[in-house]
Amino acid sequence: MMQALNDACRPATYAFGDMVSAAQGVESDAIVLSGTLPMTLTPFDQLLGAARQEREPQRLLFVFVSAELPEDATEAERQRFEENAGGSLKPVLCVDKLPEELSDFAALREESERTGVAWDLLFAAALPGQAGITPNADEAEQPLKMMVSAIETGNVGRFLAFDRNGQTVDFY
């Protein structure tokens, strides 16, 4: 079930696919793919391929964010925002998916568009299984909450970031 997050960061439900809720409040330890995925950023479709080839099954975690300009922004911050180089990131949607549930980035983008919630960037991480058992959607809820919290506090370095075309985004 896809869910949007309102201003109070309480989920507002939308019924599409296997989207689940996210809320703030917990910090995350690293949630990353183990094994064969290199530490460098890769395009989204390569991420899907790498997740499918992992030794342990993976559940992918996605948090969609919108870029916003704070009301008290300085003129320099406003200029950076206009150049798509600044602003605050606000989580607006989240979902967990098995790699096999997505054919490519376009499929995920299309599903997100059905909610009517606008977003600018997508953060991705993975929850690895153990002993050949894939984490279920209930097990993904807490890590999604941790991702939302980390993004809200600006701790995005441990996640892969993608633009609306599935291309990686670097933060400096």
C-alpha atoms as a PDB file:
ATOM      1  CA  MET A   1       0.000   0.000   0.000  1.00  0.00           C
ATOM      2  CA  MET A   2       1.486   3.365  -1.002  1.00  0.00           C
ATOM      3  CA  GLN A   3       1.330   6.034   1.638  1.00  0.00           C
ATOM      4  CA  ALA A   4       1.938   9.746   1.602  1.00  0.00           C
ATOM      5  CA  LEU A   5       3.269  11.601   4.609  1.00  0.00           C
ATOM      6  CA  ASN A   6       1.494  14.770   5.698  1.00  0.00           C
ATOM      7  CA  ASP A   7       3.098  17.820   7.366  1.00  0.00           C
ATOM      8  CA  ALA A   8       3.002  16.145  10.785  1.00  0.00           C
ATOM      9  CA  CYS A   9       4.703  13.117   9.221  1.00  0.00           C
ATOM     10  CA  ARG A  10       1.663  10.963   9.809  1.00  0.00           C
ATOM     11  CA  PRO A  11       0.884   8.596   6.958  1.00  0.00           C
ATOM     12  CA  ALA A  12      -2.054   9.320   4.659  1.00  0.00           C
ATOM     13  CA  THR A  13      -3.058   6.055   2.992  1.00  0.00           C
ATOM     14  CA  TYR A  14      -3.191   5.337  -0.737  1.00  0.00           C
ATOM     15  CA  ALA A  15      -3.901   1.801  -1.956  1.00  0.00           C
ATOM     16  CA  PHE A  16      -1.375   0.860  -4.630  1.00  0.00           C
ATOM     17  CA  GLY A  17       0.886  -2.202  -4.660  1.00  0.00           C
ATOM     18  CA  ASP A  18       2.764  -3.137  -1.518  1.00  0.00           C
ATOM     19  CA  MET A  19       3.526   0.392  -0.277  1.00  0.00           C
ATOM     20  CA  VAL A  20       3.804   0.710   3.499  1.00  0.00           C
ATOM     21  CA  SER A  21       3.822   3.478   6.068  1.00  0.00           C
ATOM     22  CA  ALA A  22       6.710   5.547   7.317  1.00  0.00           C
ATOM     23  CA  ALA A  23       6.939   7.856  10.279  1.00  0.00           C
ATOM     24  CA  GLN A  24       9.662   9.734  12.075  1.00  0.00           C
ATOM     25  CA  GLY A  25      11.410   8.883  15.272  1.00  0.00           C
ATOM     26  CA  VAL A  26      14.228   6.345  14.965  1.00  0.00           C
ATOM     27  CA  GLU A  27      17.811   6.501  13.767  1.00  0.00           C
ATOM     28  CA  SER A  28      19.120   3.888  11.389  1.00  0.00           C
ATOM     29  CA  ASP A  29      22.215   1.803  11.366  1.00  0.00           C
ATOM     30  CA  ALA A  30      23.501   1.266   7.860  1.00  0.00           C
ATOM     31  CA  ILE A  31      20.883  -0.286   5.616  1.00  0.00           C
ATOM     32  CA  VAL A  32      22.852  -1.262   2.570  1.00  0.00           C
ATOM     33  CA  LEU A  33      23.208  -4.102   0.141  1.00  0.00           C
ATOM     34  CA  SER A  34      25.837  -6.561   1.259  1.00  0.00           C
ATOM     35  CA  GLY A  35      28.220  -8.404  -0.977  1.00  0.00           C
ATOM     36  CA  THR A  36      28.646  -7.627  -4.641  1.00  0.00           C
ATOM     37  CA  LEU A  37      27.276  -4.089  -5.014  1.00  0.00           C
ATOM     38  CA  PRO A  38      30.139  -1.587  -5.270  1.00  0.00           C
ATOM     39  CA  MET A  39      30.051   1.409  -2.940  1.00  0.00           C
ATOM     40  CA  THR A  40      29.792   3.837  -5.854  1.00  0.00           C
ATOM     41  CA  LEU A  41      26.398   5.061  -6.980  1.00  0.00           C
ATOM     42  CA  THR A  42      24.807   3.259  -9.908  1.00  0.00           C
ATOM     43  CA  PRO A  43      21.697   3.959 -12.009  1.00  0.00           C
ATOM     44  CA  PHE A  44      18.459   2.604 -10.591  1.00  0.00           C
ATOM     45  CA  ASP A  45      18.082  -0.254 -13.047  1.00  0.00           C
ATOM     46  CA  GLN A  46      21.611  -1.444 -12.227  1.00  0.00           C
ATOM     47  CA  LEU A  47      20.628  -1.370  -8.544  1.00  0.00           C
ATOM     48  CA  LEU A  48      17.713  -3.683  -9.325  1.00  0.00           C
ATOM     49  CA  GLY A  49      20.019  -6.066 -11.162  1.00  0.00           C
ATOM     50  CA  ALA A  50      22.556  -6.077  -8.355  1.00  0.00           C
ATOM     51  CA  ALA A  51      19.849  -6.695  -5.732  1.00  0.00           C
ATOM     52  CA  ARG A  52      18.552  -9.659  -7.725  1.00  0.00           C
ATOM     53  CA  GLN A  53      22.047 -11.175  -7.783  1.00  0.00           C
ATOM     54  CA  GLU A  54      22.764 -10.839  -4.067  1.00  0.00           C
ATOM     55  CA  ARG A  55      23.549 -14.019  -2.164  1.00  0.00           C
ATOM     56  CA  GLU A  56      20.812 -13.267   0.374  1.00  0.00           C
ATOM     57  CA  PRO A  57      17.367 -12.132  -0.827  1.00  0.00           C
ATOM     58  CA  GLN A  58      16.777  -8.396  -0.559  1.00  0.00           C
ATOM     59  CA  ARG A  59      13.782  -6.179   0.154  1.00  0.00           C
ATOM     60  CA  LEU A  60      14.332  -2.738  -1.338  1.00  0.00           C
ATOM     61  CA  LEU A  61      13.279   0.329   0.647  1.00  0.00           C
ATOM     62  CA  PHE A  62      12.351   3.597  -1.065  1.00  0.00           C
ATOM     63  CA  VAL A  63      11.568   7.038   0.347  1.00  0.00           C
ATOM     64  CA  PHE A  64      10.354   9.711  -2.070  1.00  0.00           C
ATOM     65  CA  VAL A  65      11.074  13.323  -1.096  1.00  0.00           C
ATOM     66  CA  SER A  66      10.157  16.781  -2.279  1.00  0.00           C
ATOM     67  CA  ALA A  67      12.650  19.641  -2.241  1.00  0.00           C
ATOM     68  CA  GLU A  68      11.383  22.708  -0.427  1.00  0.00           C
ATOM     69  CA  LEU A  69      12.716  26.138   0.369  1.00  0.00           C
ATOM     70  CA  PRO A  70      12.433  27.052   4.063  1.00  0.00           C
ATOM     71  CA  GLU A  71      10.451  30.223   4.768  1.00  0.00           C
ATOM     72  CA  ASP A  72      13.446  31.789   6.536  1.00  0.00           C
ATOM     73  CA  ALA A  73      15.885  31.059   3.677  1.00  0.00           C
ATOM     74  CA  THR A  74      18.621  33.563   2.945  1.00  0.00           C
ATOM     75  CA  GLU A  75      19.028  35.084  -0.510  1.00  0.00           C
ATOM     76  CA  ALA A  76      21.997  32.760  -1.167  1.00  0.00           C
ATOM     77  CA  GLU A  77      19.882  29.748  -0.156  1.00  0.00           C
ATOM     78  CA  ARG A  78      17.075  30.936  -2.444  1.00  0.00           C
ATOM     79  CA  GLN A  79      19.483  31.227  -5.348  1.00  0.00           C
ATOM     80  CA  ARG A  80      20.892  27.732  -4.731  1.00  0.00           C
ATOM     81  CA  PHE A  81      17.351  26.363  -4.572  1.00  0.00           C
ATOM     82  CA  GLU A  82      16.489  27.986  -7.917  1.00  0.00           C
ATOM     83  CA  GLU A  83      19.588  26.267  -9.368  1.00  0.00           C
ATOM     84  CA  ASN A  84      18.375  22.888  -8.005  1.00  0.00           C
ATOM     85  CA  ALA A  85      21.345  22.834  -5.634  1.00  0.00           C
ATOM     86  CA  GLY A  86      19.749  23.490  -2.262  1.00  0.00           C
ATOM     87  CA  GLY A  87      16.676  23.402  -0.079  1.00  0.00           C
ATOM     88  CA  SER A  88      15.200  21.034   2.478  1.00  0.00           C
ATOM     89  CA  LEU A  89      14.154  17.471   1.734  1.00  0.00           C
ATOM     90  CA  LYS A  90      10.707  16.442   2.947  1.00  0.00           C
ATOM     91  CA  PRO A  91       9.694  12.760   2.823  1.00  0.00           C
ATOM     92  CA  VAL A  92       6.319  12.445   1.081  1.00  0.00           C
ATOM     93  CA  LEU A  93       5.966   8.751   0.079  1.00  0.00           C
ATOM     94  CA  CYS A  94       7.591   5.457   0.956  1.00  0.00           C
ATOM     95  CA  VAL A  95       7.471   1.870  -0.184  1.00  0.00           C
ATOM     96  CA  ASP A  96       9.211  -1.469   0.162  1.00  0.00           C
ATOM     97  CA  LYS A  97       9.506  -3.799  -2.827  1.00  0.00           C
ATOM     98  CA  LEU A  98      11.129  -7.070  -3.721  1.00  0.00           C
ATOM     99  CA  PRO A  99      13.490  -6.590  -6.671  1.00  0.00           C
ATOM    100  CA  GLU A 100      11.323  -9.014  -8.652  1.00  0.00           C
ATOM    101  CA  GLU A 101       8.293  -6.742  -8.168  1.00  0.00           C
ATOM    102  CA  LEU A 102       9.863  -3.998 -10.297  1.00  0.00           C
ATOM    103  CA  SER A 103      10.776  -4.314 -13.942  1.00  0.00           C
ATOM    104  CA  ASP A 104      12.587  -0.957 -13.984  1.00  0.00           C
ATOM    105  CA  PHE A 105      12.567   2.594 -12.658  1.00  0.00           C
ATOM    106  CA  ALA A 106       9.684   3.605 -14.926  1.00  0.00           C
ATOM    107  CA  ALA A 107       7.419   1.049 -13.196  1.00  0.00           C
ATOM    108  CA  LEU A 108       8.163   2.508  -9.751  1.00  0.00           C
ATOM    109  CA  ARG A 109       7.749   6.084 -10.995  1.00  0.00           C
ATOM    110  CA  GLU A 110       4.412   5.183 -12.624  1.00  0.00           C
ATOM    111  CA  GLU A 111       3.141   3.609  -9.400  1.00  0.00           C
ATOM    112  CA  SER A 112       4.159   6.677  -7.412  1.00  0.00           C
ATOM    113  CA  GLU A 113       2.430   9.015  -9.878  1.00  0.00           C
ATOM    114  CA  ARG A 114      -0.903   7.275  -9.280  1.00  0.00           C
ATOM    115  CA  THR A 115      -0.907   8.714  -5.744  1.00  0.00           C
ATOM    116  CA  GLY A 116      -0.989  12.284  -7.038  1.00  0.00           C
ATOM    117  CA  VAL A 117       1.804  13.213  -4.592  1.00  0.00           C
ATOM    118  CA  ALA A 118       4.605  15.250  -6.159  1.00  0.00           C
ATOM    119  CA  TRP A 119       8.217  14.249  -5.461  1.00  0.00           C
ATOM    120  CA  ASP A 120      11.667  15.326  -6.650  1.00  0.00           C
ATOM    121  CA  LEU A 121      14.106  12.654  -5.451  1.00  0.00           C
ATOM    122  CA  LEU A 122      14.049   9.028  -4.382  1.00  0.00           C
ATOM    123  CA  PHE A 123      16.253   7.498  -1.694  1.00  0.00           C
ATOM    124  CA  ALA A 124      16.929   3.771  -1.798  1.00  0.00           C
ATOM    125  CA  ALA A 125      18.356   1.195   0.585  1.00  0.00           C
ATOM    126  CA  ALA A 126      18.030  -2.537   1.024  1.00  0.00           C
ATOM    127  CA  LEU A 127      17.089  -4.845   3.832  1.00  0.00           C
ATOM    128  CA  PRO A 128      18.929  -8.137   3.377  1.00  0.00           C
ATOM    129  CA  GLY A 129      17.417 -11.475   4.249  1.00  0.00           C
ATOM    130  CA  GLN A 130      19.052 -14.144   6.361  1.00  0.00           C
ATOM    131  CA  ALA A 131      19.587 -17.840   5.666  1.00  0.00           C
ATOM    132  CA  GLY A 132      17.793 -17.496   2.335  1.00  0.00           C
ATOM    133  CA  ILE A 133      14.635 -15.982   3.867  1.00  0.00           C
ATOM    134  CA  THR A 134      13.434 -12.692   2.393  1.00  0.00           C
ATOM    135  CA  PRO A 135      12.358  -9.999   4.877  1.00  0.00           C
ATOM    136  CA  ASN A 136       8.590  -9.494   4.748  1.00  0.00           C
ATOM    137  CA  ALA A 137       6.735  -6.168   4.495  1.00  0.00           C
ATOM    138  CA  ASP A 138       6.169  -6.028   8.277  1.00  0.00           C
ATOM    139  CA  GLU A 139       9.916  -6.359   8.853  1.00  0.00           C
ATOM    140  CA  ALA A 140      10.490  -3.463   6.439  1.00  0.00           C
ATOM    141  CA  GLU A 141       8.254  -0.986   8.259  1.00  0.00           C
ATOM    142  CA  GLN A 142      10.725  -0.081  11.031  1.00  0.00           C
ATOM    143  CA  PRO A 143      13.696   0.345   8.647  1.00  0.00           C
ATOM    144  CA  LEU A 144      11.502   2.599   6.472  1.00  0.00           C
ATOM    145  CA  LYS A 145      10.718   4.703   9.544  1.00  0.00           C
ATOM    146  CA  MET A 146      14.443   4.906  10.235  1.00  0.00           C
ATOM    147  CA  MET A 147      15.097   6.047   6.661  1.00  0.00           C
ATOM    148  CA  VAL A 148      12.479   8.795   6.940  1.00  0.00           C
ATOM    149  CA  SER A 149      13.990   9.991  10.206  1.00  0.00           C
ATOM    150  CA  ALA A 150      17.512   9.981   8.779  1.00  0.00           C
ATOM    151  CA  ILE A 151      16.420  11.953   5.713  1.00  0.00           C
ATOM    152  CA  GLU A 152      14.564  14.495   7.857  1.00  0.00           C
ATOM    153  CA  THR A 153      17.751  15.141   9.819  1.00  0.00           C
ATOM    154  CA  GLY A 154      19.921  15.366   6.703  1.00  0.00           C
ATOM    155  CA  ASN A 155      21.702  12.029   7.188  1.00  0.00           C
ATOM    156  CA  VAL A 156      21.383  10.869   3.583  1.00  0.00           C
ATOM    157  CA  GLY A 157      24.932   9.645   2.974  1.00  0.00           C
ATOM    158  CA  ARG A 158      24.142   5.986   3.581  1.00  0.00           C
ATOM    159  CA  PHE A 159      21.385   5.869   0.958  1.00  0.00           C
ATOM    160  CA  LEU A 160      21.452   5.887  -2.817  1.00  0.00           C
ATOM    161  CA  ALA A 161      19.646   8.903  -4.273  1.00  0.00           C
ATOM    162  CA  PHE A 162      17.954   9.066  -7.654  1.00  0.00           C
ATOM    163  CA  ASP A 163      16.282  11.805  -9.666  1.00  0.00           C
ATOM    164  CA  ARG A 164      12.928  11.377 -11.447  1.00  0.00           C
ATOM    165  CA  ASN A 165      14.717   9.702 -14.363  1.00  0.00           C
ATOM    166  CA  GLY A 166      16.419   7.028 -12.275  1.00  0.00           C
ATOM    167  CA  GLN A 167      19.842   8.664 -12.494  1.00  0.00           C
ATOM    168  CA  THR A 168      21.988   8.938  -9.380  1.00  0.00           C
ATOM    169  CA  VAL A 169      22.267  12.177  -7.457  1.00  0.00           C
ATOM    170  CA  ASP A 170      25.337  13.098  -5.431  1.00  0.00           C
ATOM    171  CA  PHE A 171      25.225  15.305  -2.324  1.00  0.00           C
ATOM    172  CA  TYR A 172      28.195  17.469  -1.411  1.00  0.00           C
END
